[in-house]
Amino acid sequence: MFNNMYLIFGLGTTEIILIVLVVLLLFGGKKIPELMRGVGKGVKSFKDGIQGMDEEFKDISKDKPSSEKKAAPTDPTG
């Protein structure tokens, strides 16, 4: 399953190793945990926002009055 995720992006083992090495060179070993914490907080905040929007849409759809539903067509002959 781990390999399938990288196949989606077309990344091989060599590319992943190069990316990790570049990140280590740019940020150093001590900065990476701080960066990952920040990324994790951002992802959590994004998920919470999406979940909040879903709940609002569900509440709005429940609050719709029944008069907005389409009325059955009337019989023109009768």
PDB file of N, CA and C in Angstrom:
ATOM      1  N   MET A   1       0.829  -1.188   0.000  1.00  0.00           N
ATOM      2  CA  MET A   1       0.000   0.000   0.000  1.00  0.00           C
ATOM      3  C   MET A   1       0.877   1.256   0.000  1.00  0.00           C
ATOM      4  N   PHE A   2       1.977   1.215   0.703  1.00  0.00           N
ATOM      5  CA  PHE A   2       2.872   2.368   0.790  1.00  0.00           C
ATOM      6  C   PHE A   2       3.422   2.719  -0.590  1.00  0.00           C
ATOM      7  N   ASN A   3       3.756   1.701  -1.383  1.00  0.00           N
ATOM      8  CA  ASN A   3       4.307   1.939  -2.709  1.00  0.00           C
ATOM      9  C   ASN A   3       3.264   2.475  -3.673  1.00  0.00           C
ATOM     10  N   ASN A   4       1.997   2.095  -3.491  1.00  0.00           N
ATOM     11  CA  ASN A   4       0.939   2.553  -4.386  1.00  0.00           C
ATOM     12  C   ASN A   4       0.763   4.060  -4.330  1.00  0.00           C
ATOM     13  N   MET A   5       0.969   4.663  -3.169  1.00  0.00           N
ATOM     14  CA  MET A   5       0.807   6.103  -3.031  1.00  0.00           C
ATOM     15  C   MET A   5       1.840   6.827  -3.891  1.00  0.00           C
ATOM     16  N   TYR A   6       3.050   6.340  -3.922  1.00  0.00           N
ATOM     17  CA  TYR A   6       4.095   6.994  -4.693  1.00  0.00           C
ATOM     18  C   TYR A   6       3.935   6.746  -6.184  1.00  0.00           C
ATOM     19  N   LEU A   7       3.310   5.638  -6.552  1.00  0.00           N
ATOM     20  CA  LEU A   7       3.075   5.366  -7.962  1.00  0.00           C
ATOM     21  C   LEU A   7       2.103   6.381  -8.555  1.00  0.00           C
ATOM     22  N   ILE A   8       1.191   6.890  -7.733  1.00  0.00           N
ATOM     23  CA  ILE A   8       0.235   7.888  -8.204  1.00  0.00           C
ATOM     24  C   ILE A   8       0.973   9.133  -8.668  1.00  0.00           C
ATOM     25  N   PHE A   9       1.984   9.550  -7.929  1.00  0.00           N
ATOM     26  CA  PHE A   9       2.730  10.751  -8.258  1.00  0.00           C
ATOM     27  C   PHE A   9       3.888  10.466  -9.210  1.00  0.00           C
ATOM     28  N   GLY A  10       4.107   9.226  -9.562  1.00  0.00           N
ATOM     29  CA  GLY A  10       5.185   8.865 -10.465  1.00  0.00           C
ATOM     30  C   GLY A  10       6.561   8.961  -9.825  1.00  0.00           C
ATOM     31  N   LEU A  11       6.641   8.830  -8.508  1.00  0.00           N
ATOM     32  CA  LEU A  11       7.916   8.915  -7.807  1.00  0.00           C
ATOM     33  C   LEU A  11       8.477   7.520  -7.579  1.00  0.00           C
ATOM     34  N   GLY A  12       9.749   7.383  -7.850  1.00  0.00           N
ATOM     35  CA  GLY A  12      10.439   6.131  -7.571  1.00  0.00           C
ATOM     36  C   GLY A  12      11.260   6.261  -6.310  1.00  0.00           C
ATOM     37  N   THR A  13      11.953   5.197  -5.956  1.00  0.00           N
ATOM     38  CA  THR A  13      12.772   5.184  -4.749  1.00  0.00           C
ATOM     39  C   THR A  13      13.888   6.223  -4.828  1.00  0.00           C
ATOM     40  N   THR A  14      14.506   6.346  -5.978  1.00  0.00           N
ATOM     41  CA  THR A  14      15.608   7.300  -6.139  1.00  0.00           C
ATOM     42  C   THR A  14      15.133   8.732  -5.934  1.00  0.00           C
ATOM     43  N   GLU A  15      13.984   9.059  -6.508  1.00  0.00           N
ATOM     44  CA  GLU A  15      13.455  10.419  -6.367  1.00  0.00           C
ATOM     45  C   GLU A  15      13.111  10.740  -4.923  1.00  0.00           C
ATOM     46  N   ILE A  16      12.549   9.778  -4.219  1.00  0.00           N
ATOM     47  CA  ILE A  16      12.175   9.996  -2.818  1.00  0.00           C
ATOM     48  C   ILE A  16      13.424  10.225  -1.973  1.00  0.00           C
ATOM     49  N   ILE A  17      14.470   9.432  -2.203  1.00  0.00           N
ATOM     50  CA  ILE A  17      15.720   9.592  -1.453  1.00  0.00           C
ATOM     51  C   ILE A  17      16.323  10.967  -1.729  1.00  0.00           C
ATOM     52  N   LEU A  18      16.314  11.407  -2.981  1.00  0.00           N
ATOM     53  CA  LEU A  18      16.847  12.731  -3.324  1.00  0.00           C
ATOM     54  C   LEU A  18      16.054  13.851  -2.648  1.00  0.00           C
ATOM     55  N   ILE A  19      14.746  13.724  -2.624  1.00  0.00           N
ATOM     56  CA  ILE A  19      13.907  14.738  -1.972  1.00  0.00           C
ATOM     57  C   ILE A  19      14.222  14.809  -0.487  1.00  0.00           C
ATOM     58  N   VAL A  20      14.341  13.667   0.158  1.00  0.00           N
ATOM     59  CA  VAL A  20      14.651  13.634   1.596  1.00  0.00           C
ATOM     60  C   VAL A  20      16.017  14.261   1.862  1.00  0.00           C
ATOM     61  N   LEU A  21      17.005  13.947   1.041  1.00  0.00           N
ATOM     62  CA  LEU A  21      18.336  14.522   1.223  1.00  0.00           C
ATOM     63  C   LEU A  21      18.336  16.042   1.045  1.00  0.00           C
ATOM     64  N   VAL A  22      17.605  16.532   0.053  1.00  0.00           N
ATOM     65  CA  VAL A  22      17.532  17.979  -0.170  1.00  0.00           C
ATOM     66  C   VAL A  22      16.859  18.668   1.007  1.00  0.00           C
ATOM     67  N   VAL A  23      15.792  18.071   1.514  1.00  0.00           N
ATOM     68  CA  VAL A  23      15.105  18.649   2.676  1.00  0.00           C
ATOM     69  C   VAL A  23      16.037  18.678   3.879  1.00  0.00           C
ATOM     70  N   LEU A  24      16.778  17.604   4.101  1.00  0.00           N
ATOM     71  CA  LEU A  24      17.730  17.578   5.213  1.00  0.00           C
ATOM     72  C   LEU A  24      18.812  18.642   5.060  1.00  0.00           C
ATOM     73  N   LEU A  25      19.293  18.824   3.853  1.00  0.00           N
ATOM     74  CA  LEU A  25      20.331  19.826   3.620  1.00  0.00           C
ATOM     75  C   LEU A  25      19.804  21.247   3.806  1.00  0.00           C
ATOM     76  N   LEU A  26      18.584  21.493   3.361  1.00  0.00           N
ATOM     77  CA  LEU A  26      18.022  22.839   3.450  1.00  0.00           C
ATOM     78  C   LEU A  26      17.645  23.225   4.873  1.00  0.00           C
ATOM     79  N   PHE A  27      16.996  22.315   5.580  1.00  0.00           N
ATOM     80  CA  PHE A  27      16.429  22.672   6.880  1.00  0.00           C
ATOM     81  C   PHE A  27      17.212  22.135   8.068  1.00  0.00           C
ATOM     82  N   GLY A  28      17.986  21.105   7.881  1.00  0.00           N
ATOM     83  CA  GLY A  28      18.720  20.511   8.989  1.00  0.00           C
ATOM     84  C   GLY A  28      17.818  19.576   9.790  1.00  0.00           C
ATOM     85  N   GLY A  29      18.444  18.730  10.563  1.00  0.00           N
ATOM     86  CA  GLY A  29      17.711  17.719  11.326  1.00  0.00           C
ATOM     87  C   GLY A  29      16.864  18.283  12.451  1.00  0.00           C
ATOM     88  N   LYS A  30      17.251  19.431  13.004  1.00  0.00           N
ATOM     89  CA  LYS A  30      16.522  19.982  14.146  1.00  0.00           C
ATOM     90  C   LYS A  30      15.262  20.738  13.724  1.00  0.00           C
ATOM     91  N   LYS A  31      15.238  21.264  12.514  1.00  0.00           N
ATOM     92  CA  LYS A  31      14.106  22.061  12.059  1.00  0.00           C
ATOM     93  C   LYS A  31      12.961  21.202  11.521  1.00  0.00           C
ATOM     94  N   ILE A  32      13.253  20.007  11.062  1.00  0.00           N
ATOM     95  CA  ILE A  32      12.237  19.176  10.406  1.00  0.00           C
ATOM     96  C   ILE A  32      11.067  18.836  11.336  1.00  0.00           C
ATOM     97  N   PRO A  33      11.283  18.447  12.606  1.00  0.00           N
ATOM     98  CA  PRO A  33      10.128  18.175  13.466  1.00  0.00           C
ATOM     99  C   PRO A  33       9.205  19.386  13.627  1.00  0.00           C
ATOM    100  N   GLU A  34       9.790  20.580  13.704  1.00  0.00           N
ATOM    101  CA  GLU A  34       8.965  21.790  13.799  1.00  0.00           C
ATOM    102  C   GLU A  34       8.142  21.987  12.530  1.00  0.00           C
ATOM    103  N   LEU A  35       8.760  21.755  11.378  1.00  0.00           N
ATOM    104  CA  LEU A  35       8.036  21.887  10.115  1.00  0.00           C
ATOM    105  C   LEU A  35       6.892  20.877  10.025  1.00  0.00           C
ATOM    106  N   MET A  36       7.153  19.654  10.437  1.00  0.00           N
ATOM    107  CA  MET A  36       6.123  18.615  10.372  1.00  0.00           C
ATOM    108  C   MET A  36       4.972  18.920  11.332  1.00  0.00           C
ATOM    109  N   ARG A  37       5.299  19.460  12.506  1.00  0.00           N
ATOM    110  CA  ARG A  37       4.250  19.863  13.447  1.00  0.00           C
ATOM    111  C   ARG A  37       3.355  20.924  12.822  1.00  0.00           C
ATOM    112  N   GLY A  38       3.978  21.880  12.171  1.00  0.00           N
ATOM    113  CA  GLY A  38       3.215  22.940  11.513  1.00  0.00           C
ATOM    114  C   GLY A  38       2.328  22.398  10.403  1.00  0.00           C
ATOM    115  N   VAL A  39       2.868  21.469   9.615  1.00  0.00           N
ATOM    116  CA  VAL A  39       2.078  20.852   8.547  1.00  0.00           C
ATOM    117  C   VAL A  39       0.913  20.067   9.146  1.00  0.00           C
ATOM    118  N   GLY A  40       1.164  19.329  10.217  1.00  0.00           N
ATOM    119  CA  GLY A  40       0.106  18.554  10.870  1.00  0.00           C
ATOM    120  C   GLY A  40      -1.003  19.442  11.408  1.00  0.00           C
ATOM    121  N   LYS A  41      -0.628  20.559  12.027  1.00  0.00           N
ATOM    122  CA  LYS A  41      -1.631  21.489  12.534  1.00  0.00           C
ATOM    123  C   LYS A  41      -2.447  22.096  11.401  1.00  0.00           C
ATOM    124  N   GLY A  42      -1.779  22.385  10.298  1.00  0.00           N
ATOM    125  CA  GLY A  42      -2.488  22.941   9.144  1.00  0.00           C
ATOM    126  C   GLY A  42      -3.484  21.955   8.565  1.00  0.00           C
ATOM    127  N   VAL A  43      -3.084  20.699   8.441  1.00  0.00           N
ATOM    128  CA  VAL A  43      -3.978  19.669   7.912  1.00  0.00           C
ATOM    129  C   VAL A  43      -5.168  19.469   8.845  1.00  0.00           C
ATOM    130  N   LYS A  44      -4.905  19.443  10.156  1.00  0.00           N
ATOM    131  CA  LYS A  44      -5.987  19.273  11.132  1.00  0.00           C
ATOM    132  C   LYS A  44      -6.966  20.440  11.059  1.00  0.00           C
ATOM    133  N   SER A  45      -6.449  21.643  10.937  1.00  0.00           N
ATOM    134  CA  SER A  45      -7.297  22.822  10.829  1.00  0.00           C
ATOM    135  C   SER A  45      -8.148  22.761   9.562  1.00  0.00           C
ATOM    136  N   PHE A  46      -7.549  22.330   8.467  1.00  0.00           N
ATOM    137  CA  PHE A  46      -8.278  22.209   7.207  1.00  0.00           C
ATOM    138  C   PHE A  46      -9.400  21.188   7.321  1.00  0.00           C
ATOM    139  N   LYS A  47      -9.107  20.028   7.914  1.00  0.00           N
ATOM    140  CA  LYS A  47     -10.130  18.991   8.083  1.00  0.00           C
ATOM    141  C   LYS A  47     -11.265  19.472   8.981  1.00  0.00           C
ATOM    142  N   ASP A  48     -10.925  20.183  10.062  1.00  0.00           N
ATOM    143  CA  ASP A  48     -11.953  20.718  10.952  1.00  0.00           C
ATOM    144  C   ASP A  48     -12.840  21.715  10.217  1.00  0.00           C
ATOM    145  N   GLY A  49     -12.247  22.542   9.369  1.00  0.00           N
ATOM    146  CA  GLY A  49     -13.023  23.509   8.593  1.00  0.00           C
ATOM    147  C   GLY A  49     -13.960  22.828   7.619  1.00  0.00           C
ATOM    148  N   ILE A  50     -13.478  21.798   6.954  1.00  0.00           N
ATOM    149  CA  ILE A  50     -14.322  21.055   6.006  1.00  0.00           C
ATOM    150  C   ILE A  50     -15.472  20.382   6.746  1.00  0.00           C
ATOM    151  N   GLN A  51     -15.180  19.785   7.904  1.00  0.00           N
ATOM    152  CA  GLN A  51     -16.217  19.113   8.682  1.00  0.00           C
ATOM    153  C   GLN A  51     -17.254  20.132   9.156  1.00  0.00           C
ATOM    154  N   GLY A  52     -16.820  21.307   9.562  1.00  0.00           N
ATOM    155  CA  GLY A  52     -17.746  22.348   9.994  1.00  0.00           C
ATOM    156  C   GLY A  52     -18.663  22.793   8.862  1.00  0.00           C
ATOM    157  N   MET A  53     -18.100  22.914   7.661  1.00  0.00           N
ATOM    158  CA  MET A  53     -18.925  23.292   6.509  1.00  0.00           C
ATOM    159  C   MET A  53     -19.946  22.211   6.200  1.00  0.00           C
ATOM    160  N   ASP A  54     -19.546  20.941   6.278  1.00  0.00           N
ATOM    161  CA  ASP A  54     -20.477  19.840   6.032  1.00  0.00           C
ATOM    162  C   ASP A  54     -21.636  19.884   7.018  1.00  0.00           C
ATOM    163  N   GLU A  55     -21.329  20.137   8.294  1.00  0.00           N
ATOM    164  CA  GLU A  55     -22.383  20.208   9.307  1.00  0.00           C
ATOM    165  C   GLU A  55     -23.328  21.376   9.037  1.00  0.00           C
ATOM    166  N   GLU A  56     -22.784  22.512   8.601  1.00  0.00           N
ATOM    167  CA  GLU A  56     -23.633  23.659   8.292  1.00  0.00           C
ATOM    168  C   GLU A  56     -24.558  23.355   7.121  1.00  0.00           C
ATOM    169  N   PHE A  57     -24.048  22.697   6.088  1.00  0.00           N
ATOM    170  CA  PHE A  57     -24.880  22.358   4.941  1.00  0.00           C
ATOM    171  C   PHE A  57     -25.987  21.382   5.342  1.00  0.00           C
ATOM    172  N   LYS A  58     -25.665  20.438   6.217  1.00  0.00           N
ATOM    173  CA  LYS A  58     -26.681  19.500   6.680  1.00  0.00           C
ATOM    174  C   LYS A  58     -27.754  20.228   7.478  1.00  0.00           C
ATOM    175  N   ASP A  59     -27.350  21.176   8.333  1.00  0.00           N
ATOM    176  CA  ASP A  59     -28.314  21.946   9.115  1.00  0.00           C
ATOM    177  C   ASP A  59     -29.205  22.783   8.208  1.00  0.00           C
ATOM    178  N   ILE A  60     -28.623  23.384   7.184  1.00  0.00           N
ATOM    179  CA  ILE A  60     -29.394  24.210   6.261  1.00  0.00           C
ATOM    180  C   ILE A  60     -30.401  23.360   5.507  1.00  0.00           C
ATOM    181  N   SER A  61     -29.993  22.174   5.070  1.00  0.00           N
ATOM    182  CA  SER A  61     -30.908  21.319   4.316  1.00  0.00           C
ATOM    183  C   SER A  61     -32.035  20.802   5.198  1.00  0.00           C
ATOM    184  N   LYS A  62     -31.799  20.648   6.491  1.00  0.00           N
ATOM    185  CA  LYS A  62     -32.861  20.213   7.409  1.00  0.00           C
ATOM    186  C   LYS A  62     -33.843  21.339   7.679  1.00  0.00           C
ATOM    187  N   ASP A  63     -33.372  22.589   7.648  1.00  0.00           N
ATOM    188  CA  ASP A  63     -34.203  23.740   7.978  1.00  0.00           C
ATOM    189  C   ASP A  63     -35.074  24.221   6.826  1.00  0.00           C
ATOM    190  N   LYS A  64     -34.949  23.649   5.635  1.00  0.00           N
ATOM    191  CA  LYS A  64     -35.752  24.089   4.501  1.00  0.00           C
ATOM    192  C   LYS A  64     -37.224  23.830   4.783  1.00  0.00           C
ATOM    193  N   PRO A  65     -38.070  24.820   4.562  1.00  0.00           N
ATOM    194  CA  PRO A  65     -39.505  24.596   4.752  1.00  0.00           C
ATOM    195  C   PRO A  65     -40.054  23.676   3.678  1.00  0.00           C
ATOM    196  N   SER A  66     -41.136  23.001   3.993  1.00  0.00           N
ATOM    197  CA  SER A  66     -41.719  22.039   3.060  1.00  0.00           C
ATOM    198  C   SER A  66     -42.381  22.736   1.882  1.00  0.00           C
ATOM    199  N   SER A  67     -42.625  24.057   1.953  1.00  0.00           N
ATOM    200  CA  SER A  67     -43.252  24.777   0.854  1.00  0.00           C
ATOM    201  C   SER A  67     -42.325  24.890  -0.349  1.00  0.00           C
ATOM    202  N   GLU A  68     -41.030  24.668  -0.149  1.00  0.00           N
ATOM    203  CA  GLU A  68     -40.091  24.738  -1.257  1.00  0.00           C
ATOM    204  C   GLU A  68     -40.136  23.488  -2.123  1.00  0.00           C
ATOM    205  N   LYS A  69     -40.749  22.439  -1.628  1.00  0.00           N
ATOM    206  CA  LYS A  69     -40.861  21.220  -2.415  1.00  0.00           C
ATOM    207  C   LYS A  69     -41.820  21.467  -3.567  1.00  0.00           C
ATOM    208  N   LYS A  70     -41.616  20.766  -4.678  1.00  0.00           N
ATOM    209  CA  LYS A  70     -42.479  20.939  -5.843  1.00  0.00           C
ATOM    210  C   LYS A  70     -43.873  20.405  -5.539  1.00  0.00           C
ATOM    211  N   ALA A  71     -44.855  21.185  -5.931  1.00  0.00           N
ATOM    212  CA  ALA A  71     -46.233  20.753  -5.753  1.00  0.00           C
ATOM    213  C   ALA A  71     -46.603  19.824  -6.888  1.00  0.00           C
ATOM    214  N   ALA A  72     -47.524  18.906  -6.620  1.00  0.00           N
ATOM    215  CA  ALA A  72     -47.971  17.979  -7.638  1.00  0.00           C
ATOM    216  C   ALA A  72     -48.765  18.756  -8.679  1.00  0.00           C
ATOM    217  N   PRO A  73     -48.618  18.409  -9.964  1.00  0.00           N
ATOM    218  CA  PRO A  73     -49.356  19.131 -10.995  1.00  0.00           C
ATOM    219  C   PRO A  73     -50.861  18.913 -10.842  1.00  0.00           C
ATOM    220  N   THR A  74     -51.606  19.949 -11.124  1.00  0.00           N
ATOM    221  CA  THR A  74     -53.074  19.853 -11.006  1.00  0.00           C
ATOM    222  C   THR A  74     -53.635  19.282 -12.292  1.00  0.00           C
ATOM    223  N   ASP A  75     -54.783  18.667 -12.178  1.00  0.00           N
ATOM    224  CA  ASP A  75     -55.453  18.044 -13.311  1.00  0.00           C
ATOM    225  C   ASP A  75     -56.222  19.132 -14.081  1.00  0.00           C
ATOM    226  N   PRO A  76     -55.882  19.407 -15.338  1.00  0.00           N
ATOM    227  CA  PRO A  76     -56.531  20.475 -16.092  1.00  0.00           C
ATOM    228  C   PRO A  76     -57.972  20.152 -16.472  1.00  0.00           C
ATOM    229  N   THR A  77     -58.358  18.880 -16.429  1.00  0.00           N
ATOM    230  CA  THR A  77     -59.720  18.517 -16.838  1.00  0.00           C
ATOM    231  C   THR A  77     -60.706  18.617 -15.705  1.00  0.00           C
ATOM    232  N   GLY A  78     -60.207  18.739 -14.514  1.00  0.00           N
ATOM    233  CA  GLY A  78     -61.138  18.587 -13.466  1.00  0.00           C
ATOM    234  C   GLY A  78     -61.342  19.589 -12.492  1.00  0.00           C
TER     235      GLY A  78
END
